[in-house]
């Protein structure tokens, strides 16, 4: 090959080497982060002669295995002054890379107070005391006529209540809440005396006071309280339809 041509080839090769070196320096000058940085060796610090280099980890591969890196996310070397120490190397020097295999979100806790108030409450309903036919001449000339009804209450569980019955719309002379004189009345001016009791033996008058009412402790479910009624025998009254209205009250 002529000397002039050979010299030209050498100059061209030298030029390309210079261009490639400039390109490599430009690439190296651009920092790369994340996983690609693992094989960008030109980004690693260069250790000068007579200097020390080392690393430290919060887990030990020899005893915990190669896959244990993610298991030490809550570990540290030791605690000093309330701080968790993750690296302990003598200086002076510089930390040029921190390798983190995983980061968990930080958490903070606080107690949330949740409150509610359950108020005592009661509802009340009734089923009538229907005596049926009263015969003052024959069947009931000497035998009283009995009947029964119910007062139903639903009270908050554990609530203390008292159920009372009023004197009625047609109370007789001398009637009181503690000793009511109750009477049925027809469409005119005639009355038929009767009594209401809280026991099946018909001995305890159901009145309109705490002492004569019926005590009840709520269960949260409906409770039916029986009302026992009696029309005394031998009351000579005209034929007709007799009725009365008694107010039932639950106090809680």
C-alpha atoms as a PDB file:
ATOM      1  CA  UNK A   1       0.000   0.000   0.000  1.00  0.00           C
ATOM      2  CA  UNK A   2       1.429   3.382  -0.908  1.00  0.00           C
ATOM      3  CA  UNK A   3       2.706   5.376   2.089  1.00  0.00           C
ATOM      4  CA  UNK A   4       0.312   8.270   1.447  1.00  0.00           C
ATOM      5  CA  UNK A   5      -2.744   5.963   1.527  1.00  0.00           C
ATOM      6  CA  UNK A   6      -1.540   4.191   4.703  1.00  0.00           C
ATOM      7  CA  UNK A   7      -1.029   7.549   6.424  1.00  0.00           C
ATOM      8  CA  UNK A   8      -4.590   8.546   5.483  1.00  0.00           C
ATOM      9  CA  UNK A   9      -6.048   5.334   6.964  1.00  0.00           C
ATOM     10  CA  UNK A  10      -4.157   5.906  10.196  1.00  0.00           C
ATOM     11  CA  UNK A  11      -5.458   9.462  10.471  1.00  0.00           C
ATOM     12  CA  UNK A  12      -9.031   8.287   9.893  1.00  0.00           C
ATOM     13  CA  UNK A  13      -8.750   5.582  12.589  1.00  0.00           C
ATOM     14  CA  UNK A  14      -7.304   8.054  15.051  1.00  0.00           C
ATOM     15  CA  UNK A  15     -10.174  10.428  14.336  1.00  0.00           C
ATOM     16  CA  UNK A  16     -12.767   7.731  14.995  1.00  0.00           C
ATOM     17  CA  UNK A  17     -11.065   6.773  18.245  1.00  0.00           C
ATOM     18  CA  UNK A  18     -11.228  10.402  19.382  1.00  0.00           C
ATOM     19  CA  UNK A  19     -14.939  10.640  18.474  1.00  0.00           C
ATOM     20  CA  UNK A  20     -15.742   7.410  20.359  1.00  0.00           C
ATOM     21  CA  UNK A  21     -13.842   8.597  23.450  1.00  0.00           C
ATOM     22  CA  UNK A  22     -15.768  11.874  23.433  1.00  0.00           C
ATOM     23  CA  UNK A  23     -19.058   9.954  23.118  1.00  0.00           C
ATOM     24  CA  UNK A  24     -18.155   7.631  26.015  1.00  0.00           C
ATOM     25  CA  UNK A  25     -17.241  10.566  28.228  1.00  0.00           C
ATOM     26  CA  UNK A  26     -20.534  12.283  27.423  1.00  0.00           C
ATOM     27  CA  UNK A  27     -22.526   9.143  28.309  1.00  0.00           C
ATOM     28  CA  UNK A  28     -20.575   8.668  31.538  1.00  0.00           C
ATOM     29  CA  UNK A  29     -21.240  12.270  32.544  1.00  0.00           C
ATOM     30  CA  UNK A  30     -25.020  11.637  32.540  1.00  0.00           C
ATOM     31  CA  UNK A  31     -26.032  10.036  35.887  1.00  0.00           C
ATOM     32  CA  UNK A  32     -28.126   6.872  35.698  1.00  0.00           C
ATOM     33  CA  UNK A  33     -30.277   5.789  38.620  1.00  0.00           C
ATOM     34  CA  UNK A  34     -32.230   2.686  39.561  1.00  0.00           C
ATOM     35  CA  UNK A  35     -31.419  -0.813  38.358  1.00  0.00           C
ATOM     36  CA  UNK A  36     -29.458   0.369  35.267  1.00  0.00           C
ATOM     37  CA  UNK A  37     -26.931   1.977  37.621  1.00  0.00           C
ATOM     38  CA  UNK A  38     -25.840  -1.501  38.738  1.00  0.00           C
ATOM     39  CA  UNK A  39     -23.828  -2.053  35.534  1.00  0.00           C
ATOM     40  CA  UNK A  40     -22.669   1.540  35.044  1.00  0.00           C
ATOM     41  CA  UNK A  41     -19.288   0.920  36.615  1.00  0.00           C
ATOM     42  CA  UNK A  42     -17.988   4.303  35.496  1.00  0.00           C
ATOM     43  CA  UNK A  43     -20.297   5.868  38.097  1.00  0.00           C
ATOM     44  CA  UNK A  44     -18.632   4.066  40.982  1.00  0.00           C
ATOM     45  CA  UNK A  45     -16.208   5.953  43.178  1.00  0.00           C
ATOM     46  CA  UNK A  46     -12.533   5.270  42.481  1.00  0.00           C
ATOM     47  CA  UNK A  47     -10.549   4.228  45.536  1.00  0.00           C
ATOM     48  CA  UNK A  48      -7.207   5.952  45.791  1.00  0.00           C
ATOM     49  CA  UNK A  49      -4.108   4.086  46.936  1.00  0.00           C
ATOM     50  CA  UNK A  50      -3.693   3.587  50.716  1.00  0.00           C
ATOM     51  CA  UNK A  51      -7.429   4.180  51.384  1.00  0.00           C
ATOM     52  CA  UNK A  52      -9.857   1.711  52.945  1.00  0.00           C
ATOM     53  CA  UNK A  53     -13.184   0.646  51.484  1.00  0.00           C
ATOM     54  CA  UNK A  54     -15.883  -1.622  52.881  1.00  0.00           C
ATOM     55  CA  UNK A  55     -19.547  -2.315  53.215  1.00  0.00           C
ATOM     56  CA  UNK A  56     -21.991  -3.189  55.943  1.00  0.00           C
ATOM     57  CA  UNK A  57     -25.408  -4.834  55.915  1.00  0.00           C
ATOM     58  CA  UNK A  58     -28.162  -5.332  58.446  1.00  0.00           C
ATOM     59  CA  UNK A  59     -28.484  -8.979  57.471  1.00  0.00           C
ATOM     60  CA  UNK A  60     -25.967 -11.777  57.013  1.00  0.00           C
ATOM     61  CA  UNK A  61     -26.103 -13.779  53.779  1.00  0.00           C
ATOM     62  CA  UNK A  62     -24.143 -16.693  55.218  1.00  0.00           C
ATOM     63  CA  UNK A  63     -26.793 -17.425  57.849  1.00  0.00           C
ATOM     64  CA  UNK A  64     -29.948 -15.923  56.382  1.00  0.00           C
ATOM     65  CA  UNK A  65     -29.562 -16.858  52.733  1.00  0.00           C
ATOM     66  CA  UNK A  66     -29.299 -14.952  49.511  1.00  0.00           C
ATOM     67  CA  UNK A  67     -33.019 -14.135  49.452  1.00  0.00           C
ATOM     68  CA  UNK A  68     -33.131 -12.696  52.961  1.00  0.00           C
ATOM     69  CA  UNK A  69     -32.557  -9.090  51.865  1.00  0.00           C
ATOM     70  CA  UNK A  70     -36.238  -8.201  52.000  1.00  0.00           C
ATOM     71  CA  UNK A  71     -36.641  -9.813  55.424  1.00  0.00           C
ATOM     72  CA  UNK A  72     -34.490  -7.262  57.243  1.00  0.00           C
ATOM     73  CA  UNK A  73     -36.505  -4.149  56.439  1.00  0.00           C
ATOM     74  CA  UNK A  74     -37.194  -3.599  60.143  1.00  0.00           C
ATOM     75  CA  UNK A  75     -33.628  -4.427  61.272  1.00  0.00           C
ATOM     76  CA  UNK A  76     -30.682  -2.239  62.216  1.00  0.00           C
ATOM     77  CA  UNK A  77     -27.206  -2.683  63.687  1.00  0.00           C
ATOM     78  CA  UNK A  78     -27.922  -1.173  67.081  1.00  0.00           C
ATOM     79  CA  UNK A  79     -29.577   1.784  68.819  1.00  0.00           C
ATOM     80  CA  UNK A  80     -27.526   4.744  69.998  1.00  0.00           C
ATOM     81  CA  UNK A  81     -29.043   7.811  71.623  1.00  0.00           C
ATOM     82  CA  UNK A  82     -32.501   6.734  70.532  1.00  0.00           C
ATOM     83  CA  UNK A  83     -31.370   6.481  66.875  1.00  0.00           C
ATOM     84  CA  UNK A  84     -31.284   3.256  64.850  1.00  0.00           C
ATOM     85  CA  UNK A  85     -27.789   2.839  63.416  1.00  0.00           C
ATOM     86  CA  UNK A  86     -27.622   1.128  60.021  1.00  0.00           C
ATOM     87  CA  UNK A  87     -23.912   1.825  59.157  1.00  0.00           C
ATOM     88  CA  UNK A  88     -20.876   2.009  61.422  1.00  0.00           C
ATOM     89  CA  UNK A  89     -17.504   2.601  59.667  1.00  0.00           C
ATOM     90  CA  UNK A  90     -14.499   4.565  60.952  1.00  0.00           C
ATOM     91  CA  UNK A  91     -13.763   7.817  59.117  1.00  0.00           C
ATOM     92  CA  UNK A  92     -12.905  10.134  57.636  1.00  0.00           C
ATOM     93  CA  UNK A  93     -14.548   8.975  54.435  1.00  0.00           C
ATOM     94  CA  UNK A  94     -17.634   9.149  52.294  1.00  0.00           C
ATOM     95  CA  UNK A  95     -20.714   7.018  51.684  1.00  0.00           C
ATOM     96  CA  UNK A  96     -21.034   6.676  47.939  1.00  0.00           C
ATOM     97  CA  UNK A  97     -23.882   4.176  47.675  1.00  0.00           C
ATOM     98  CA  UNK A  98     -26.758   2.996  49.892  1.00  0.00           C
ATOM     99  CA  UNK A  99     -28.444  -0.164  48.683  1.00  0.00           C
ATOM    100  CA  UNK A 100     -32.093  -0.531  49.777  1.00  0.00           C
ATOM    101  CA  UNK A 101     -34.026  -3.663  48.835  1.00  0.00           C
ATOM    102  CA  UNK A 102     -37.412  -2.406  49.889  1.00  0.00           C
ATOM    103  CA  UNK A 103     -39.080   0.482  51.656  1.00  0.00           C
ATOM    104  CA  UNK A 104     -42.294   0.107  53.618  1.00  0.00           C
ATOM    105  CA  UNK A 105     -44.651   2.992  54.138  1.00  0.00           C
ATOM    106  CA  UNK A 106     -44.333   4.637  57.531  1.00  0.00           C
ATOM    107  CA  UNK A 107     -47.267   4.384  59.884  1.00  0.00           C
ATOM    108  CA  UNK A 108     -48.639   6.316  62.819  1.00  0.00           C
ATOM    109  CA  UNK A 109     -51.520   5.360  65.081  1.00  0.00           C
ATOM    110  CA  UNK A 110     -54.065   7.167  67.186  1.00  0.00           C
ATOM    111  CA  UNK A 111     -57.100   5.971  69.113  1.00  0.00           C
ATOM    112  CA  UNK A 112     -60.495   6.847  67.598  1.00  0.00           C
ATOM    113  CA  UNK A 113     -63.149   7.229  70.273  1.00  0.00           C
ATOM    114  CA  UNK A 114     -66.559   5.863  69.260  1.00  0.00           C
ATOM    115  CA  UNK A 115     -69.500   6.499  71.595  1.00  0.00           C
ATOM    116  CA  UNK A 116     -73.273   6.063  71.647  1.00  0.00           C
ATOM    117  CA  UNK A 117     -76.017   6.625  74.194  1.00  0.00           C
ATOM    118  CA  UNK A 118     -78.943   4.251  74.589  1.00  0.00           C
ATOM    119  CA  UNK A 119     -81.920   6.025  76.124  1.00  0.00           C
ATOM    120  CA  UNK A 120     -84.515   4.134  78.129  1.00  0.00           C
ATOM    121  CA  UNK A 121     -87.812   3.922  76.253  1.00  0.00           C
ATOM    122  CA  UNK A 122     -91.104   2.048  76.439  1.00  0.00           C
ATOM    123  CA  UNK A 123     -94.133   1.560  74.238  1.00  0.00           C
ATOM    124  CA  UNK A 124     -97.560   0.389  75.406  1.00  0.00           C
ATOM    125  CA  UNK A 125    -100.653  -1.123  73.818  1.00  0.00           C
ATOM    126  CA  UNK A 126    -103.816  -2.845  75.082  1.00  0.00           C
ATOM    127  CA  UNK A 127    -106.291  -5.573  74.252  1.00  0.00           C
ATOM    128  CA  UNK A 128    -109.811  -5.002  75.687  1.00  0.00           C
ATOM    129  CA  UNK A 129    -111.404  -6.689  78.670  1.00  0.00           C
ATOM    130  CA  UNK A 130    -114.550  -8.063  77.036  1.00  0.00           C
ATOM    131  CA  UNK A 131    -116.915  -9.443  79.693  1.00  0.00           C
ATOM    132  CA  UNK A 132    -119.585 -10.582  77.282  1.00  0.00           C
ATOM    133  CA  UNK A 133    -123.225 -10.955  78.375  1.00  0.00           C
ATOM    134  CA  UNK A 134    -124.131 -10.107  81.978  1.00  0.00           C
ATOM    135  CA  UNK A 135    -127.405 -11.675  83.265  1.00  0.00           C
ATOM    136  CA  UNK A 136    -128.448 -10.074  86.573  1.00  0.00           C
ATOM    137  CA  UNK A 137    -131.633 -12.169  86.777  1.00  0.00           C
ATOM    138  CA  UNK A 138    -130.272 -15.683  86.396  1.00  0.00           C
ATOM    139  CA  UNK A 139    -126.647 -16.509  85.552  1.00  0.00           C
ATOM    140  CA  UNK A 140    -125.159 -13.582  87.425  1.00  0.00           C
ATOM    141  CA  UNK A 141    -127.740 -13.099  90.100  1.00  0.00           C
ATOM    142  CA  UNK A 142    -125.336 -14.553  92.629  1.00  0.00           C
ATOM    143  CA  UNK A 143    -122.233 -15.279  90.540  1.00  0.00           C
ATOM    144  CA  UNK A 144    -119.817 -12.618  89.344  1.00  0.00           C
ATOM    145  CA  UNK A 145    -118.923 -12.343  85.659  1.00  0.00           C
ATOM    146  CA  UNK A 146    -115.206 -12.527  84.925  1.00  0.00           C
ATOM    147  CA  UNK A 147    -113.249 -11.320  81.919  1.00  0.00           C
ATOM    148  CA  UNK A 148    -109.632 -10.597  80.995  1.00  0.00           C
ATOM    149  CA  UNK A 149    -107.536  -8.454  78.704  1.00  0.00           C
ATOM    150  CA  UNK A 150    -103.867  -7.462  78.329  1.00  0.00           C
ATOM    151  CA  UNK A 151    -101.590  -4.492  78.586  1.00  0.00           C
ATOM    152  CA  UNK A 152     -98.487  -5.045  76.427  1.00  0.00           C
ATOM    153  CA  UNK A 153     -95.269  -3.114  76.982  1.00  0.00           C
ATOM    154  CA  UNK A 154     -91.941  -3.125  75.202  1.00  0.00           C
ATOM    155  CA  UNK A 155     -89.139  -1.472  77.170  1.00  0.00           C
ATOM    156  CA  UNK A 156     -85.428  -1.044  76.647  1.00  0.00           C
ATOM    157  CA  UNK A 157     -83.502  -3.951  78.095  1.00  0.00           C
ATOM    158  CA  UNK A 158     -82.916  -3.384  81.810  1.00  0.00           C
ATOM    159  CA  UNK A 159     -85.198  -0.330  82.006  1.00  0.00           C
ATOM    160  CA  UNK A 160     -87.303  -0.126  85.179  1.00  0.00           C
ATOM    161  CA  UNK A 161     -90.959   0.655  84.479  1.00  0.00           C
ATOM    162  CA  UNK A 162     -94.298   0.787  86.252  1.00  0.00           C
ATOM    163  CA  UNK A 163     -97.614   0.145  84.520  1.00  0.00           C
ATOM    164  CA  UNK A 164    -100.738   1.755  85.982  1.00  0.00           C
ATOM    165  CA  UNK A 165    -104.466   1.791  85.100  1.00  0.00           C
ATOM    166  CA  UNK A 166    -106.577   4.916  85.523  1.00  0.00           C
ATOM    167  CA  UNK A 167    -109.906   5.173  87.381  1.00  0.00           C
ATOM    168  CA  UNK A 168    -111.864   5.099  84.128  1.00  0.00           C
ATOM    169  CA  UNK A 169    -114.222   7.578  82.491  1.00  0.00           C
ATOM    170  CA  UNK A 170    -117.148   6.798  84.802  1.00  0.00           C
ATOM    171  CA  UNK A 171    -115.533   6.575  88.251  1.00  0.00           C
ATOM    172  CA  UNK A 172    -117.959   6.384  91.167  1.00  0.00           C
ATOM    173  CA  UNK A 173    -118.092   8.378  94.364  1.00  0.00           C
ATOM    174  CA  UNK A 174    -115.032   8.095  96.603  1.00  0.00           C
ATOM    175  CA  UNK A 175    -112.843   6.789  93.780  1.00  0.00           C
ATOM    176  CA  UNK A 176    -109.098   7.462  94.057  1.00  0.00           C
ATOM    177  CA  UNK A 177    -106.064   6.463  92.029  1.00  0.00           C
ATOM    178  CA  UNK A 178    -105.030   4.073  94.781  1.00  0.00           C
ATOM    179  CA  UNK A 179    -108.562   2.632  95.241  1.00  0.00           C
ATOM    180  CA  UNK A 180    -110.496   3.213  92.030  1.00  0.00           C
ATOM    181  CA  UNK A 181    -114.263   2.728  91.847  1.00  0.00           C
ATOM    182  CA  UNK A 182    -114.743   1.777  88.213  1.00  0.00           C
ATOM    183  CA  UNK A 183    -118.081   1.653  86.430  1.00  0.00           C
ATOM    184  CA  UNK A 184    -119.400   0.741  83.009  1.00  0.00           C
ATOM    185  CA  UNK A 185    -122.053   3.086  81.644  1.00  0.00           C
ATOM    186  CA  UNK A 186    -124.847   2.671  79.127  1.00  0.00           C
ATOM    187  CA  UNK A 187    -126.079   5.400  76.749  1.00  0.00           C
ATOM    188  CA  UNK A 188    -128.205   6.860  79.535  1.00  0.00           C
ATOM    189  CA  UNK A 189    -127.535   7.227  83.226  1.00  0.00           C
ATOM    190  CA  UNK A 190    -127.154   3.621  84.300  1.00  0.00           C
ATOM    191  CA  UNK A 191    -123.926   2.137  85.669  1.00  0.00           C
ATOM    192  CA  UNK A 192    -122.489  -1.334  86.137  1.00  0.00           C
ATOM    193  CA  UNK A 193    -119.714  -1.585  88.716  1.00  0.00           C
ATOM    194  CA  UNK A 194    -116.633  -3.630  87.934  1.00  0.00           C
ATOM    195  CA  UNK A 195    -113.046  -4.112  89.159  1.00  0.00           C
ATOM    196  CA  UNK A 196    -109.665  -4.727  87.520  1.00  0.00           C
ATOM    197  CA  UNK A 197    -106.937  -6.835  89.135  1.00  0.00           C
ATOM    198  CA  UNK A 198    -103.319  -7.680  88.414  1.00  0.00           C
ATOM    199  CA  UNK A 199    -103.550 -11.275  89.676  1.00  0.00           C
ATOM    200  CA  UNK A 200    -105.598 -14.236  88.524  1.00  0.00           C
ATOM    201  CA  UNK A 201    -107.046 -14.667  92.028  1.00  0.00           C
ATOM    202  CA  UNK A 202    -108.600 -11.219  91.654  1.00  0.00           C
ATOM    203  CA  UNK A 203    -107.443  -9.950  95.031  1.00  0.00           C
ATOM    204  CA  UNK A 204    -104.930  -7.191  94.079  1.00  0.00           C
ATOM    205  CA  UNK A 205    -106.634  -4.156  92.565  1.00  0.00           C
ATOM    206  CA  UNK A 206    -104.707  -2.641  89.664  1.00  0.00           C
ATOM    207  CA  UNK A 207    -104.646   1.062  90.411  1.00  0.00           C
ATOM    208  CA  UNK A 208    -103.092   4.254  89.164  1.00  0.00           C
ATOM    209  CA  UNK A 209    -100.228   4.716  91.646  1.00  0.00           C
ATOM    210  CA  UNK A 210     -96.721   3.278  91.882  1.00  0.00           C
ATOM    211  CA  UNK A 211     -97.812   1.130  94.820  1.00  0.00           C
ATOM    212  CA  UNK A 212    -100.897  -0.253  93.046  1.00  0.00           C
ATOM    213  CA  UNK A 213     -99.336  -0.494  89.588  1.00  0.00           C
ATOM    214  CA  UNK A 214     -97.374  -3.394  88.143  1.00  0.00           C
ATOM    215  CA  UNK A 215     -93.568  -3.177  88.184  1.00  0.00           C
ATOM    216  CA  UNK A 216     -91.779  -4.286  85.049  1.00  0.00           C
ATOM    217  CA  UNK A 217     -88.133  -4.643  83.983  1.00  0.00           C
ATOM    218  CA  UNK A 218     -87.590  -4.238  80.271  1.00  0.00           C
ATOM    219  CA  UNK A 219     -86.281  -7.100  78.172  1.00  0.00           C
ATOM    220  CA  UNK A 220     -86.186  -5.312  74.838  1.00  0.00           C
ATOM    221  CA  UNK A 221     -89.093  -7.467  73.649  1.00  0.00           C
ATOM    222  CA  UNK A 222     -92.862  -7.255  74.015  1.00  0.00           C
ATOM    223  CA  UNK A 223     -94.276  -8.415  77.360  1.00  0.00           C
ATOM    224  CA  UNK A 224     -98.007  -8.984  77.782  1.00  0.00           C
ATOM    225  CA  UNK A 225     -99.357  -8.224  81.260  1.00  0.00           C
ATOM    226  CA  UNK A 226    -102.728  -9.843  81.992  1.00  0.00           C
ATOM    227  CA  UNK A 227    -105.605  -7.726  83.297  1.00  0.00           C
ATOM    228  CA  UNK A 228    -108.224  -9.658  85.242  1.00  0.00           C
ATOM    229  CA  UNK A 229    -111.729  -8.129  85.472  1.00  0.00           C
ATOM    230  CA  UNK A 230    -114.851  -8.884  87.526  1.00  0.00           C
ATOM    231  CA  UNK A 231    -118.414  -7.551  87.422  1.00  0.00           C
ATOM    232  CA  UNK A 232    -119.972  -8.116  90.817  1.00  0.00           C
ATOM    233  CA  UNK A 233    -123.084 -10.322  90.938  1.00  0.00           C
ATOM    234  CA  UNK A 234    -126.658  -9.144  91.486  1.00  0.00           C
ATOM    235  CA  UNK A 235    -126.523  -5.662  89.957  1.00  0.00           C
ATOM    236  CA  UNK A 236    -129.994  -4.874  88.739  1.00  0.00           C
ATOM    237  CA  UNK A 237    -129.531  -2.659  85.718  1.00  0.00           C
ATOM    238  CA  UNK A 238    -131.518  -2.090  82.538  1.00  0.00           C
ATOM    239  CA  UNK A 239    -130.606  -4.006  79.379  1.00  0.00           C
ATOM    240  CA  UNK A 240    -128.192  -2.197  77.070  1.00  0.00           C
ATOM    241  CA  UNK A 241    -124.569  -1.849  76.030  1.00  0.00           C
ATOM    242  CA  UNK A 242    -122.214  -0.760  78.790  1.00  0.00           C
ATOM    243  CA  UNK A 243    -118.643   0.423  78.351  1.00  0.00           C
ATOM    244  CA  UNK A 244    -115.804   2.330  79.984  1.00  0.00           C
ATOM    245  CA  UNK A 245    -112.399   3.691  78.951  1.00  0.00           C
ATOM    246  CA  UNK A 246    -109.392   3.175  81.220  1.00  0.00           C
ATOM    247  CA  UNK A 247    -106.070   4.857  80.471  1.00  0.00           C
ATOM    248  CA  UNK A 248    -103.063   2.519  80.722  1.00  0.00           C
ATOM    249  CA  UNK A 249     -99.768   4.289  81.467  1.00  0.00           C
ATOM    250  CA  UNK A 250     -96.193   3.035  81.534  1.00  0.00           C
ATOM    251  CA  UNK A 251     -93.775   5.166  83.555  1.00  0.00           C
ATOM    252  CA  UNK A 252     -90.019   4.603  83.063  1.00  0.00           C
END
